[in-house]
C-alpha cells in the first residue's frame, strides 16, 4: 500500500515535468534526460498505460486524456476499496452487538 502511494507521487512528479515542459504533443516530445527524469519503476506503468507516448526513439510526450482516464480509474478503485472496508466495519460492529 505504501509502495503504491510512493509510486503515485513519483508518477505525478513525472507528469508535472512533462506539463511544465509543454511536452504534450508529438512535435514537443522530449527525452527523459531533457526533463531531468530517470526511467524507473514509476515511469514504466505510465508508458504501459499510454500516459507517456513514444513517437520517436527515446522521446516521449504526455497524453493528457490517458492521464485523466488513469486518475479516474484510480479514484474509482479507491472508492470501491473504501466502501468495502466500511461495509466490513459495519458488519463487524453489527455482529458484535448481536
Protein backbone atom coordinates (compact mmCIF):
# COMPACT_ATOMS: atom_id res chain seq x y z
CA UNK A 1 0.00 0.00 0.00
CA UNK A 2 2.80 2.42 0.92
CA UNK A 3 4.72 1.42 -2.20
CA UNK A 4 1.69 2.29 -4.35
CA UNK A 5 1.37 5.68 -2.69
CA UNK A 6 5.05 6.45 -3.28
CA UNK A 7 4.74 5.29 -6.88
CA UNK A 8 1.74 7.57 -7.47
CA UNK A 9 3.58 10.56 -6.00
CA UNK A 10 6.54 9.88 -8.30
CA UNK A 11 4.21 9.46 -11.28
CA UNK A 12 2.58 12.82 -10.54
CA UNK A 13 6.04 14.41 -10.47
CA UNK A 14 6.83 12.87 -13.86
CA UNK A 15 3.55 14.15 -15.32
CA UNK A 16 4.20 17.64 -13.89
CA UNK A 17 7.65 17.69 -15.50
CA UNK A 18 6.07 16.97 -18.89
CA UNK A 19 3.39 19.60 -18.28
CA UNK A 20 5.98 22.24 -17.31
CA UNK A 21 7.96 21.47 -20.46
CA UNK A 22 4.73 21.58 -22.52
CA UNK A 23 5.67 18.17 -23.92
CA UNK A 24 2.10 17.19 -24.74
CA UNK A 25 2.27 16.58 -28.49
CA UNK A 26 4.38 14.57 -30.90
CA UNK A 27 6.10 17.78 -32.02
CA UNK A 28 7.08 18.76 -28.47
CA UNK A 29 8.16 15.30 -27.28
CA UNK A 30 11.25 15.28 -25.03
CA UNK A 31 13.70 12.74 -23.76
CA UNK A 32 13.65 11.95 -20.03
CA UNK A 33 17.14 13.41 -19.73
CA UNK A 34 15.97 16.76 -21.10
CA UNK A 35 13.44 16.92 -18.27
CA UNK A 36 15.84 15.69 -15.60
CA UNK A 37 13.93 12.40 -15.23
CA UNK A 38 15.06 8.81 -14.89
CA UNK A 39 13.17 5.86 -16.28
CA UNK A 40 12.46 3.92 -13.12
CA UNK A 41 9.64 1.90 -11.59
CA UNK A 42 7.24 4.87 -11.66
CA UNK A 43 7.97 5.54 -15.34
CA UNK A 44 7.09 2.19 -16.91
CA UNK A 45 3.44 1.96 -15.80
CA UNK A 46 2.86 5.40 -17.33
CA UNK A 47 4.25 4.13 -20.62
CA UNK A 48 2.23 0.91 -20.32
CA UNK A 49 -1.00 2.90 -19.78
CA UNK A 50 -0.09 5.16 -22.74
CA UNK A 51 0.09 8.20 -20.47
CA UNK A 52 3.61 8.71 -21.82
CA UNK A 53 3.83 8.01 -25.54
CA UNK A 54 7.00 7.45 -27.51
CA UNK A 55 6.68 8.75 -31.11
CA UNK A 56 10.43 8.57 -31.75
CA UNK A 57 13.35 6.72 -30.23
CA UNK A 58 13.87 8.00 -26.69
CA UNK A 59 11.43 10.91 -26.90
CA UNK A 60 8.11 10.97 -25.06
CA UNK A 61 5.10 13.21 -24.71
CA UNK A 62 2.28 13.34 -22.17
CA UNK A 63 -1.13 12.14 -23.34
CA UNK A 64 -3.39 14.18 -21.05
CA UNK A 65 -6.56 12.26 -21.96
CA UNK A 66 -5.00 8.96 -20.90
CA UNK A 67 -3.61 10.57 -17.73
CA UNK A 68 -7.12 11.76 -16.81
CA UNK A 69 -8.53 8.28 -17.52
CA UNK A 70 -5.90 6.64 -15.33
CA UNK A 71 -6.59 9.10 -12.48
CA UNK A 72 -10.34 8.48 -12.68
CA UNK A 73 -9.80 4.72 -12.69
CA UNK A 74 -7.61 5.01 -9.60
CA UNK A 75 -10.24 7.14 -7.87
CA UNK A 76 -12.95 4.56 -8.61
CA UNK A 77 -10.79 1.76 -7.24
CA UNK A 78 -10.02 3.78 -4.10
CA UNK A 79 -13.72 4.48 -3.55
CA UNK A 80 -14.58 0.81 -4.04
CA UNK A 81 -11.93 -0.25 -1.52
CA UNK A 82 -13.21 2.33 0.98
CA UNK A 83 -16.79 1.13 0.51
CA UNK A 84 -15.74 -2.48 1.10
CA UNK A 85 -13.79 -1.51 4.22
CA UNK A 86 -16.72 0.49 5.61
CA UNK A 87 -19.05 -2.41 4.84
CA UNK A 88 -16.78 -4.84 6.68
CA UNK A 89 -16.53 -2.45 9.61
CA UNK A 90 -20.32 -2.10 9.77
CA UNK A 91 -20.75 -5.88 9.55
CA UNK A 92 -18.22 -6.39 12.35
CA UNK A 93 -19.99 -3.89 14.59
CA UNK A 94 -23.39 -5.50 13.90
CA UNK A 95 -22.11 -8.98 14.68
CA UNK A 96 -20.51 -7.83 17.94
CA UNK A 97 -23.75 -6.25 19.14
CA UNK A 98 -25.89 -9.23 18.18
